[in-house]
Amino acid sequence: MMIYMLAAAMTIAMLIATAFGLHQESERMRLKEKRTNLRGFGH
């Protein structure tokens, strides 16, 4: 029974870590996109 609880806790922790990682990646891409749009004309 304890092994099942540990496995469930690890699964939940991995799901939370994955969601946090995806959020961080999307924020980084959004910031990169905003930075490229602020350059204006030319490069």
PDB file of N, CA and C in Angstrom:
ATOM      1  N   MET A   1       0.830  -1.197   0.000  1.00  0.00           N
ATOM      2  CA  MET A   1       0.000   0.000   0.000  1.00  0.00           C
ATOM      3  C   MET A   1       0.868   1.253   0.000  1.00  0.00           C
ATOM      4  N   MET A   2       1.945   1.210   0.768  1.00  0.00           N
ATOM      5  CA  MET A   2       2.819   2.381   0.841  1.00  0.00           C
ATOM      6  C   MET A   2       3.498   2.655  -0.495  1.00  0.00           C
ATOM      7  N   ILE A   3       3.823   1.591  -1.236  1.00  0.00           N
ATOM      8  CA  ILE A   3       4.447   1.763  -2.546  1.00  0.00           C
ATOM      9  C   ILE A   3       3.482   2.455  -3.503  1.00  0.00           C
ATOM     10  N   TYR A   4       2.208   2.111  -3.441  1.00  0.00           N
ATOM     11  CA  TYR A   4       1.221   2.755  -4.307  1.00  0.00           C
ATOM     12  C   TYR A   4       1.083   4.239  -3.975  1.00  0.00           C
ATOM     13  N   MET A   5       1.114   4.565  -2.696  1.00  0.00           N
ATOM     14  CA  MET A   5       1.024   5.964  -2.296  1.00  0.00           C
ATOM     15  C   MET A   5       2.254   6.738  -2.763  1.00  0.00           C
ATOM     16  N   LEU A   6       3.419   6.131  -2.647  1.00  0.00           N
ATOM     17  CA  LEU A   6       4.642   6.774  -3.108  1.00  0.00           C
ATOM     18  C   LEU A   6       4.610   6.966  -4.624  1.00  0.00           C
ATOM     19  N   ALA A   7       4.144   5.970  -5.335  1.00  0.00           N
ATOM     20  CA  ALA A   7       4.047   6.073  -6.793  1.00  0.00           C
ATOM     21  C   ALA A   7       3.061   7.167  -7.200  1.00  0.00           C
ATOM     22  N   ALA A   8       1.939   7.252  -6.510  1.00  0.00           N
ATOM     23  CA  ALA A   8       0.961   8.299  -6.809  1.00  0.00           C
ATOM     24  C   ALA A   8       1.541   9.685  -6.515  1.00  0.00           C
ATOM     25  N   ALA A   9       2.255   9.811  -5.400  1.00  0.00           N
ATOM     26  CA  ALA A   9       2.862  11.093  -5.054  1.00  0.00           C
ATOM     27  C   ALA A   9       3.919  11.493  -6.087  1.00  0.00           C
ATOM     28  N   MET A  10       4.707  10.540  -6.529  1.00  0.00           N
ATOM     29  CA  MET A  10       5.720  10.847  -7.543  1.00  0.00           C
ATOM     30  C   MET A  10       5.075  11.212  -8.876  1.00  0.00           C
ATOM     31  N   THR A  11       3.983  10.557  -9.221  1.00  0.00           N
ATOM     32  CA  THR A  11       3.275  10.880 -10.461  1.00  0.00           C
ATOM     33  C   THR A  11       2.730  12.298 -10.407  1.00  0.00           C
ATOM     34  N   ILE A  12       2.123  12.655  -9.302  1.00  0.00           N
ATOM     35  CA  ILE A  12       1.590  14.012  -9.142  1.00  0.00           C
ATOM     36  C   ILE A  12       2.720  15.030  -9.180  1.00  0.00           C
ATOM     37  N   ALA A  13       3.834  14.728  -8.523  1.00  0.00           N
ATOM     38  CA  ALA A  13       4.970  15.650  -8.530  1.00  0.00           C
ATOM     39  C   ALA A  13       5.513  15.837  -9.945  1.00  0.00           C
ATOM     40  N   MET A  14       5.586  14.768 -10.718  1.00  0.00           N
ATOM     41  CA  MET A  14       6.080  14.879 -12.088  1.00  0.00           C
ATOM     42  C   MET A  14       5.115  15.668 -12.968  1.00  0.00           C
ATOM     43  N   LEU A  15       3.823  15.501 -12.772  1.00  0.00           N
ATOM     44  CA  LEU A  15       2.849  16.281 -13.535  1.00  0.00           C
ATOM     45  C   LEU A  15       2.965  17.767 -13.217  1.00  0.00           C
ATOM     46  N   ILE A  16       3.137  18.088 -11.938  1.00  0.00           N
ATOM     47  CA  ILE A  16       3.294  19.494 -11.541  1.00  0.00           C
ATOM     48  C   ILE A  16       4.585  20.056 -12.130  1.00  0.00           C
ATOM     49  N   ALA A  17       5.671  19.295 -12.074  1.00  0.00           N
ATOM     50  CA  ALA A  17       6.945  19.755 -12.628  1.00  0.00           C
ATOM     51  C   ALA A  17       6.847  19.963 -14.136  1.00  0.00           C
ATOM     52  N   THR A  18       6.130  19.087 -14.826  1.00  0.00           N
ATOM     53  CA  THR A  18       5.952  19.229 -16.264  1.00  0.00           C
ATOM     54  C   THR A  18       5.152  20.479 -16.590  1.00  0.00           C
ATOM     55  N   ALA A  19       4.068  20.706 -15.856  1.00  0.00           N
ATOM     56  CA  ALA A  19       3.257  21.902 -16.084  1.00  0.00           C
ATOM     57  C   ALA A  19       4.073  23.169 -15.820  1.00  0.00           C
ATOM     58  N   PHE A  20       4.873  23.160 -14.756  1.00  0.00           N
ATOM     59  CA  PHE A  20       5.710  24.314 -14.442  1.00  0.00           C
ATOM     60  C   PHE A  20       6.745  24.546 -15.536  1.00  0.00           C
ATOM     61  N   GLY A  21       7.337  23.490 -16.039  1.00  0.00           N
ATOM     62  CA  GLY A  21       8.323  23.604 -17.112  1.00  0.00           C
ATOM     63  C   GLY A  21       7.708  24.141 -18.395  1.00  0.00           C
ATOM     64  N   LEU A  22       6.524  23.669 -18.744  1.00  0.00           N
ATOM     65  CA  LEU A  22       5.844  24.175 -19.932  1.00  0.00           C
ATOM     66  C   LEU A  22       5.495  25.644 -19.781  1.00  0.00           C
ATOM     67  N   HIS A  23       5.083  26.041 -18.581  1.00  0.00           N
ATOM     68  CA  HIS A  23       4.764  27.444 -18.329  1.00  0.00           C
ATOM     69  C   HIS A  23       6.007  28.311 -18.485  1.00  0.00           C
ATOM     70  N   GLN A  24       7.133  27.866 -17.926  1.00  0.00           N
ATOM     71  CA  GLN A  24       8.377  28.626 -18.033  1.00  0.00           C
ATOM     72  C   GLN A  24       8.804  28.754 -19.501  1.00  0.00           C
ATOM     73  N   GLU A  25       8.681  27.679 -20.251  1.00  0.00           N
ATOM     74  CA  GLU A  25       9.073  27.698 -21.664  1.00  0.00           C
ATOM     75  C   GLU A  25       8.192  28.648 -22.461  1.00  0.00           C
ATOM     76  N   SER A  26       6.893  28.643 -22.194  1.00  0.00           N
ATOM     77  CA  SER A  26       6.003  29.540 -22.932  1.00  0.00           C
ATOM     78  C   SER A  26       6.272  31.001 -22.572  1.00  0.00           C
ATOM     79  N   GLU A  27       6.596  31.282 -21.312  1.00  0.00           N
ATOM     80  CA  GLU A  27       6.946  32.649 -20.928  1.00  0.00           C
ATOM     81  C   GLU A  27       8.222  33.093 -21.635  1.00  0.00           C
ATOM     82  N   ARG A  28       9.194  32.202 -21.733  1.00  0.00           N
ATOM     83  CA  ARG A  28      10.453  32.551 -22.394  1.00  0.00           C
ATOM     84  C   ARG A  28      10.226  32.824 -23.876  1.00  0.00           C
ATOM     85  N   MET A  29       9.395  32.003 -24.524  1.00  0.00           N
ATOM     86  CA  MET A  29       9.108  32.211 -25.940  1.00  0.00           C
ATOM     87  C   MET A  29       8.309  33.495 -26.147  1.00  0.00           C
ATOM     88  N   ARG A  30       7.390  33.806 -25.245  1.00  0.00           N
ATOM     89  CA  ARG A  30       6.608  35.029 -25.350  1.00  0.00           C
ATOM     90  C   ARG A  30       7.512  36.253 -25.220  1.00  0.00           C
ATOM     91  N   LEU A  31       8.460  36.199 -24.294  1.00  0.00           N
ATOM     92  CA  LEU A  31       9.390  37.303 -24.111  1.00  0.00           C
ATOM     93  C   LEU A  31      10.287  37.471 -25.334  1.00  0.00           C
ATOM     94  N   LYS A  32      10.733  36.356 -25.899  1.00  0.00           N
ATOM     95  CA  LYS A  32      11.569  36.409 -27.097  1.00  0.00           C
ATOM     96  C   LYS A  32      10.795  37.013 -28.258  1.00  0.00           C
ATOM     97  N   GLU A  33       9.537  36.630 -28.413  1.00  0.00           N
ATOM     98  CA  GLU A  33       8.696  37.170 -29.484  1.00  0.00           C
ATOM     99  C   GLU A  33       8.471  38.663 -29.294  1.00  0.00           C
ATOM    100  N   LYS A  34       8.230  39.082 -28.065  1.00  0.00           N
ATOM    101  CA  LYS A  34       8.022  40.500 -27.783  1.00  0.00           C
ATOM    102  C   LYS A  34       9.290  41.302 -28.096  1.00  0.00           C
ATOM    103  N   ARG A  35      10.445  40.744 -27.759  1.00  0.00           N
ATOM    104  CA  ARG A  35      11.709  41.429 -28.000  1.00  0.00           C
ATOM    105  C   ARG A  35      11.961  41.609 -29.494  1.00  0.00           C
ATOM    106  N   THR A  36      11.618  40.602 -30.306  1.00  0.00           N
ATOM    107  CA  THR A  36      11.841  40.724 -31.745  1.00  0.00           C
ATOM    108  C   THR A  36      10.850  41.705 -32.363  1.00  0.00           C
ATOM    109  N   ASN A  37       9.663  41.840 -31.804  1.00  0.00           N
ATOM    110  CA  ASN A  37       8.684  42.769 -32.352  1.00  0.00           C
ATOM    111  C   ASN A  37       9.007  44.224 -32.010  1.00  0.00           C
ATOM    112  N   LEU A  38       9.770  44.469 -30.973  1.00  0.00           N
ATOM    113  CA  LEU A  38      10.068  45.836 -30.562  1.00  0.00           C
ATOM    114  C   LEU A  38      11.194  46.466 -31.384  1.00  0.00           C
ATOM    115  N   ARG A  39      11.873  45.695 -32.202  1.00  0.00           N
ATOM    116  CA  ARG A  39      12.994  46.249 -32.964  1.00  0.00           C
ATOM    117  C   ARG A  39      12.545  47.235 -34.034  1.00  0.00           C
ATOM    118  N   GLY A  40      11.347  47.096 -34.541  1.00  0.00           N
ATOM    119  CA  GLY A  40      10.854  48.020 -35.553  1.00  0.00           C
ATOM    120  C   GLY A  40      11.395  47.686 -36.930  1.00  0.00           C
ATOM    121  N   PHE A  41      11.662  48.736 -37.703  1.00  0.00           N
ATOM    122  CA  PHE A  41      12.096  48.541 -39.083  1.00  0.00           C
ATOM    123  C   PHE A  41      13.566  48.157 -39.140  1.00  0.00           C
ATOM    124  N   GLY A  42      13.891  47.343 -40.131  1.00  0.00           N
ATOM    125  CA  GLY A  42      15.279  46.953 -40.344  1.00  0.00           C
ATOM    126  C   GLY A  42      15.812  46.041 -39.262  1.00  0.00           C
ATOM    127  N   HIS A  43      17.057  45.686 -39.456  1.00  0.00           N
ATOM    128  CA  HIS A  43      17.731  44.873 -38.430  1.00  0.00           C
ATOM    129  C   HIS A  43      19.201  45.173 -38.480  1.00  0.00           C
TER     130      HIS A  43
END
